[in-house]
Amino acid sequence: MTDWKELLTSAASKVQEVCEPIRLGGERDRKVGVGAAGDETLVADSEAEKVILEALTPVSDVRVLSEEAGERGPESSRFLAIVDPLDGSSNFSRGIPFYCTSICIVDGKELRDARFALVQNLVNGDVYYAEKGAGAFKNGKRLRPSAKTELSDSVAAVDLSKATPDVFVALEPLASKLARQVHFGANALEICMVADGGVDSFVDLRNRMRITDLAGAYLIGKEAGISITSETGGELDPSLDLRSRLSLVASANEALHQKILRELSPLRRRRT
C-alpha cells in the first residue's frame, strides 16, 4: 500500500533540492521549450517535473497530468496525479521569492475525488498537506483560517495577470470595500495562505486558471474549512485536463465568502 504522504513529501523535497542550484547558478530564467499547457518551460520547470515523475513512476495504477509533460500513463489507472512542478515560474525566473510545487492525488474522475495533496513553498520549505477527511496541516500543525468576516477588515489576494477589461470593472465594487488587495504570483500557494490565515480571500475572475494550479490547494483549502466556489457561487467541477480553464473565489469562512460574491454580482449576471 502506497504511503502517499511520504511519497509526496519526498518528491517535493527533491524539487527544492534541484531548483535551488538553478536559482543560485544563474540559470533561473533559461528556457528549454514549451510545455504541454502552452507556456514556456524553464530549466527549473523541467528538472522539477523530472524528479516528481521519477517518484511517481514506480507506483502502480497511477496516471500523471503535469503542466509540462501533459498526460502520462494509462487512462484506466485508478489514481490521477495532478502536478504543477513549479507554480510561480515567472517569480522564479525574476528572482522573486514566492513559488511552490503542487501535487494532488485524485482517486476518481472529478476534483471532489481529490484524496491527498501537498503544496511546498520552495523558498522557505513550508509544507502544506491534506488527506481527505483527515484535515489540513502546515509543517504538521493544523491549519486555521482567518475569522474575519467584514470586507473592510480583510485582505484579498487578487490575480489580475492578463485580465480583460471586464474583470477590472467587475472587481471595482469589491476593491473599494477591502482593506487591501495583494497578489504574489503563485496561485496554489496563495490559496494555501487563505487556509493558513495569511490572507482572508483569493479572487481570480480571469477564467485562465488550470486544474494543475488548483488541485492541490483545493483539497488543502477544503480540509482546512475554507469556502471555495466559482465566481457565481457554484461548485467547482472542472475537467481534469489541461484544456479547461476556470475562475474561482476562495474565502476564509462562509460569511466573508457570501459578501465577496455579492460584490461580484455584475459579473455573475453576465456569466450565468
Protein backbone atom coordinates (compact mmCIF):
# COMPACT_ATOMS: atom_id res chain seq x y z
CA MET A 1 0.00 0.00 0.00
CA THR A 2 1.40 3.38 -1.02
CA ASP A 3 2.35 5.81 1.76
CA TRP A 4 1.21 8.89 -0.15
CA LYS A 5 2.29 11.37 2.49
CA GLU A 6 5.84 10.04 2.49
CA LEU A 7 5.96 9.84 -1.30
CA LEU A 8 4.69 13.39 -1.87
CA THR A 9 6.87 14.85 0.89
CA SER A 10 9.96 13.19 -0.53
CA ALA A 11 9.18 14.29 -4.09
CA ALA A 12 8.61 17.91 -3.06
CA SER A 13 11.82 17.94 -1.04
CA LYS A 14 13.73 16.75 -4.10
CA VAL A 15 12.13 19.53 -6.17
CA GLN A 16 13.54 22.06 -3.73
CA GLU A 17 16.94 20.39 -3.94
CA VAL A 18 17.10 20.62 -7.75
CA CYS A 19 15.67 24.14 -8.02
CA GLU A 20 18.00 25.83 -5.56
CA PRO A 21 21.24 25.26 -7.54
CA ILE A 22 19.49 26.52 -10.68
CA ARG A 23 18.46 29.69 -8.87
CA LEU A 24 21.94 30.25 -7.47
CA GLY A 25 23.77 29.20 -10.63
CA GLY A 26 22.47 31.95 -12.88
CA GLU A 27 20.09 29.81 -14.97
CA ARG A 28 16.86 30.76 -13.27
CA ASP A 29 15.47 32.34 -16.48
CA ARG A 30 16.82 29.81 -19.00
CA LYS A 31 14.09 28.39 -21.22
CA VAL A 32 14.21 24.89 -22.68
CA GLY A 33 10.99 24.72 -24.71
CA VAL A 34 7.22 24.91 -24.42
CA GLY A 35 5.20 22.71 -22.08
CA ALA A 36 2.01 20.76 -22.76
CA ALA A 37 -0.05 23.61 -21.30
CA GLY A 38 1.40 26.04 -23.85
CA ASP A 39 3.66 28.08 -21.59
CA GLU A 40 7.41 28.42 -21.96
CA THR A 41 9.28 25.83 -19.91
CA LEU A 42 12.16 26.92 -17.72
CA VAL A 43 15.01 24.56 -16.96
CA ALA A 44 13.73 24.62 -13.36
CA ASP A 45 10.25 23.54 -14.54
CA SER A 46 11.79 20.66 -16.44
CA GLU A 47 14.07 19.48 -13.65
CA ALA A 48 11.32 19.78 -11.03
CA GLU A 49 8.95 17.72 -13.15
CA LYS A 50 11.62 15.10 -13.74
CA VAL A 51 12.10 14.31 -10.05
CA ILE A 52 8.34 14.17 -9.45
CA LEU A 53 7.84 11.77 -12.35
CA GLU A 54 10.70 9.64 -11.05
CA ALA A 55 8.94 9.44 -7.68
CA LEU A 56 5.56 8.54 -9.18
CA THR A 57 6.65 6.14 -11.93
CA PRO A 58 7.28 3.13 -9.64
CA VAL A 59 3.77 3.41 -8.16
CA SER A 60 1.26 1.13 -9.87
CA ASP A 61 -2.12 2.29 -11.14
CA VAL A 62 -1.20 6.00 -11.43
CA ARG A 63 -1.62 8.33 -14.38
CA VAL A 64 0.07 11.74 -14.30
CA LEU A 65 -1.27 15.09 -15.53
CA SER A 66 1.51 17.67 -15.47
CA GLU A 67 1.75 21.22 -16.72
CA GLU A 68 4.94 20.48 -18.65
CA ALA A 69 4.73 16.85 -19.84
CA GLY A 70 0.96 16.65 -20.22
CA GLU A 71 -0.65 13.24 -19.63
CA ARG A 72 1.43 10.16 -18.85
CA GLY A 73 0.19 6.64 -18.15
CA PRO A 74 -2.88 4.54 -18.95
CA GLU A 75 -6.31 6.16 -18.70
CA SER A 76 -7.56 3.06 -16.90
CA SER A 77 -5.38 3.87 -13.86
CA ARG A 78 -7.19 4.23 -10.55
CA PHE A 79 -5.25 7.31 -9.42
CA LEU A 80 -4.53 10.58 -11.22
CA ALA A 81 -1.58 12.66 -10.01
CA ILE A 82 -2.16 16.32 -10.91
CA VAL A 83 1.17 18.11 -10.85
CA ASP A 84 2.42 21.67 -11.15
CA PRO A 85 6.18 21.17 -10.71
CA LEU A 86 6.89 24.90 -10.30
CA ASP A 87 3.92 27.18 -9.67
CA GLY A 88 5.17 30.74 -9.87
CA SER A 89 7.68 30.15 -12.66
CA SER A 90 7.70 33.85 -13.57
CA ASN A 91 8.62 34.72 -9.99
CA PHE A 92 11.40 32.13 -10.03
CA SER A 93 12.79 33.47 -13.31
CA ARG A 94 12.92 37.03 -11.95
CA GLY A 95 14.30 36.15 -8.54
CA ILE A 96 11.07 36.96 -6.70
CA PRO A 97 10.96 34.67 -3.64
CA PHE A 98 7.45 33.23 -3.93
CA TYR A 99 6.94 29.94 -5.77
CA CYS A 100 5.99 26.38 -4.92
CA THR A 101 5.44 22.84 -6.12
CA SER A 102 1.99 21.25 -6.05
CA ILE A 103 0.97 17.57 -6.23
CA CYS A 104 -2.55 16.21 -5.84
CA ILE A 105 -3.64 12.57 -5.95
CA VAL A 106 -7.19 12.06 -7.22
CA ASP A 107 -8.98 8.75 -6.62
CA GLY A 108 -11.71 9.11 -9.23
CA LYS A 109 -12.71 11.25 -12.19
CA GLU A 110 -13.65 14.57 -10.55
CA LEU A 111 -11.98 17.27 -8.46
CA ARG A 112 -14.16 16.29 -5.49
CA ASP A 113 -12.36 12.92 -5.59
CA ALA A 114 -9.04 14.52 -4.57
CA ARG A 115 -7.61 12.29 -1.83
CA PHE A 116 -4.09 13.53 -0.96
CA ALA A 117 -2.40 16.87 -1.63
CA LEU A 118 0.87 18.59 -0.91
CA VAL A 119 2.00 22.13 -1.70
CA GLN A 120 5.52 23.09 -0.69
CA ASN A 121 6.85 26.64 -0.54
CA LEU A 122 10.18 26.22 -2.34
CA VAL A 123 11.65 29.35 -0.76
CA ASN A 124 11.23 28.68 2.97
CA GLY A 125 10.34 24.98 2.85
CA ASP A 126 6.87 25.26 4.42
CA VAL A 127 4.83 22.15 3.64
CA TYR A 128 1.04 22.18 3.35
CA TYR A 129 -0.51 18.72 3.38
CA ALA A 130 -4.03 17.35 3.40
CA GLU A 131 -5.75 14.00 3.26
CA LYS A 132 -9.46 13.87 2.51
CA GLY A 133 -11.41 13.53 5.73
CA ALA A 134 -8.30 13.91 7.92
CA GLY A 135 -7.71 17.67 7.92
CA ALA A 136 -5.06 20.03 6.54
CA PHE A 137 -1.73 20.92 8.08
CA LYS A 138 1.25 23.23 7.68
CA ASN A 139 4.51 21.72 8.90
CA GLY A 140 2.47 19.28 10.97
CA LYS A 141 0.23 21.88 12.64
CA ARG A 142 -3.46 22.06 11.80
CA LEU A 143 -4.39 24.97 9.53
CA ARG A 144 -6.67 27.65 10.93
CA PRO A 145 -8.13 30.22 8.51
CA SER A 146 -8.86 33.81 9.47
CA ALA A 147 -12.04 34.60 11.39
CA LYS A 148 -12.52 37.98 9.70
CA THR A 149 -15.99 38.45 8.24
CA GLU A 150 -16.02 42.14 7.26
CA LEU A 151 -14.72 43.27 3.87
CA SER A 152 -13.31 46.43 5.43
CA ASP A 153 -11.05 44.33 7.67
CA SER A 154 -9.98 41.78 5.09
CA VAL A 155 -7.01 41.33 2.78
CA ALA A 156 -7.69 39.69 -0.57
CA ALA A 157 -5.20 38.16 -2.97
CA VAL A 158 -6.47 39.09 -6.44
CA ASP A 159 -4.93 37.74 -9.65
CA LEU A 160 -5.08 40.30 -12.45
CA SER A 161 -2.41 38.80 -14.72
CA LYS A 162 -3.57 39.29 -18.34
CA ALA A 163 -7.05 40.20 -17.09
CA THR A 164 -9.51 41.63 -19.62
CA PRO A 165 -11.21 45.00 -19.04
CA ASP A 166 -14.48 43.41 -17.86
CA VAL A 167 -12.63 41.76 -14.97
CA PHE A 168 -11.35 45.13 -13.75
CA VAL A 169 -14.86 46.56 -13.96
CA ALA A 170 -16.33 43.60 -12.10
CA LEU A 171 -13.77 43.90 -9.32
CA GLU A 172 -14.25 47.62 -8.72
CA PRO A 173 -17.11 47.35 -6.16
CA LEU A 174 -15.18 44.73 -4.17
CA ALA A 175 -11.83 46.53 -4.34
CA SER A 176 -13.33 49.73 -2.96
CA LYS A 177 -14.51 47.90 0.18
CA LEU A 178 -11.46 45.79 1.02
CA ALA A 179 -8.77 46.79 3.49
CA ARG A 180 -6.12 45.76 0.96
CA GLN A 181 -5.54 43.83 -2.25
CA VAL A 182 -2.34 41.88 -2.92
CA HIS A 183 -1.03 39.33 -5.40
CA PHE A 184 2.14 37.28 -5.00
CA GLY A 185 2.25 35.30 -8.25
CA ALA A 186 1.76 31.64 -7.28
CA ASN A 187 -1.92 30.78 -7.02
CA ALA A 188 -1.58 27.41 -5.29
CA LEU A 189 0.45 28.99 -2.52
CA GLU A 190 -1.94 31.93 -2.22
CA ILE A 191 -4.93 29.64 -1.73
CA CYS A 192 -2.91 27.85 0.96
CA MET A 193 -2.39 31.25 2.57
CA VAL A 194 -6.18 31.62 2.80
CA ALA A 195 -6.28 28.25 4.56
CA ASP A 196 -3.48 29.40 6.87
CA GLY A 197 -4.91 32.84 7.71
CA GLY A 198 -2.21 34.81 5.89
CA VAL A 199 -4.82 36.41 3.66
CA ASP A 200 -8.59 36.33 4.00
CA SER A 201 -9.54 35.52 0.42
CA PHE A 202 -8.28 34.74 -3.05
CA VAL A 203 -10.14 36.01 -6.12
CA ASP A 204 -9.42 35.06 -9.74
CA LEU A 205 -12.04 36.09 -12.30
CA ARG A 206 -9.86 35.78 -15.42
CA ASN A 207 -11.11 32.33 -16.47
CA ARG A 208 -7.48 31.33 -17.03
CA MET A 209 -6.62 29.06 -14.10
CA ARG A 210 -5.73 25.45 -14.92
CA ILE A 211 -6.51 22.39 -12.86
CA THR A 212 -2.76 21.95 -12.25
CA ASP A 213 -2.72 25.32 -10.47
CA LEU A 214 -5.74 24.48 -8.35
CA ALA A 215 -5.98 20.79 -7.44
CA GLY A 216 -3.51 20.54 -4.55
CA ALA A 217 -4.55 23.80 -2.92
CA TYR A 218 -8.23 22.94 -3.41
CA LEU A 219 -8.06 19.87 -1.19
CA ILE A 220 -5.89 21.65 1.37
CA GLY A 221 -8.34 24.55 1.49
CA LYS A 222 -11.41 22.34 1.74
CA GLU A 223 -9.89 20.28 4.52
CA ALA A 224 -8.97 23.50 6.37
CA GLY A 225 -12.63 24.56 6.17
CA ILE A 226 -12.44 27.48 3.76
CA SER A 227 -15.12 28.22 1.16
CA ILE A 228 -14.09 27.67 -2.48
CA THR A 229 -16.55 28.13 -5.34
CA SER A 230 -16.83 29.51 -8.83
CA GLU A 231 -17.29 33.27 -9.11
CA THR A 232 -21.01 32.62 -9.41
CA GLY A 233 -21.10 30.65 -6.17
CA GLY A 234 -21.38 27.23 -7.79
CA GLU A 235 -19.39 24.12 -7.03
CA LEU A 236 -16.07 23.84 -8.84
CA ASP A 237 -16.25 20.93 -11.25
CA PRO A 238 -13.57 21.44 -13.92
CA SER A 239 -12.45 18.75 -16.33
CA LEU A 240 -9.27 17.08 -15.14
CA ASP A 241 -7.22 18.02 -18.19
CA LEU A 242 -5.04 20.88 -19.41
CA ARG A 243 -7.72 22.30 -21.74
CA SER A 244 -10.19 23.51 -19.14
CA ARG A 245 -9.92 26.97 -17.58
CA LEU A 246 -11.76 28.36 -14.60
CA SER A 247 -12.34 31.29 -12.27
CA LEU A 248 -12.82 30.97 -8.54
CA VAL A 249 -13.25 32.67 -5.20
CA ALA A 250 -11.75 31.22 -2.02
CA SER A 251 -12.58 32.74 1.37
CA ALA A 252 -11.59 32.04 4.96
CA ASN A 253 -15.20 31.49 6.02
CA GLU A 254 -18.68 31.36 4.52
CA ALA A 255 -19.82 34.73 5.92
CA LEU A 256 -16.97 36.56 4.19
CA HIS A 257 -17.42 34.44 1.08
CA GLN A 258 -21.03 35.48 0.61
CA LYS A 259 -20.15 39.17 1.00
CA ILE A 260 -17.46 38.86 -1.68
CA LEU A 261 -19.81 37.05 -4.05
CA ARG A 262 -22.44 39.78 -3.62
CA GLU A 263 -19.92 42.43 -4.66
CA LEU A 264 -19.20 40.43 -7.82
CA SER A 265 -22.86 40.31 -8.85
CA PRO A 266 -22.46 42.30 -12.14
CA LEU A 267 -20.01 39.69 -13.44
CA ARG A 268 -22.13 36.87 -12.04
CA ARG A 269 -25.14 38.10 -14.05
CA ARG A 270 -23.10 38.17 -17.26
CA ARG A 271 -21.76 34.64 -16.75
CA THR A 272 -24.96 32.88 -15.66
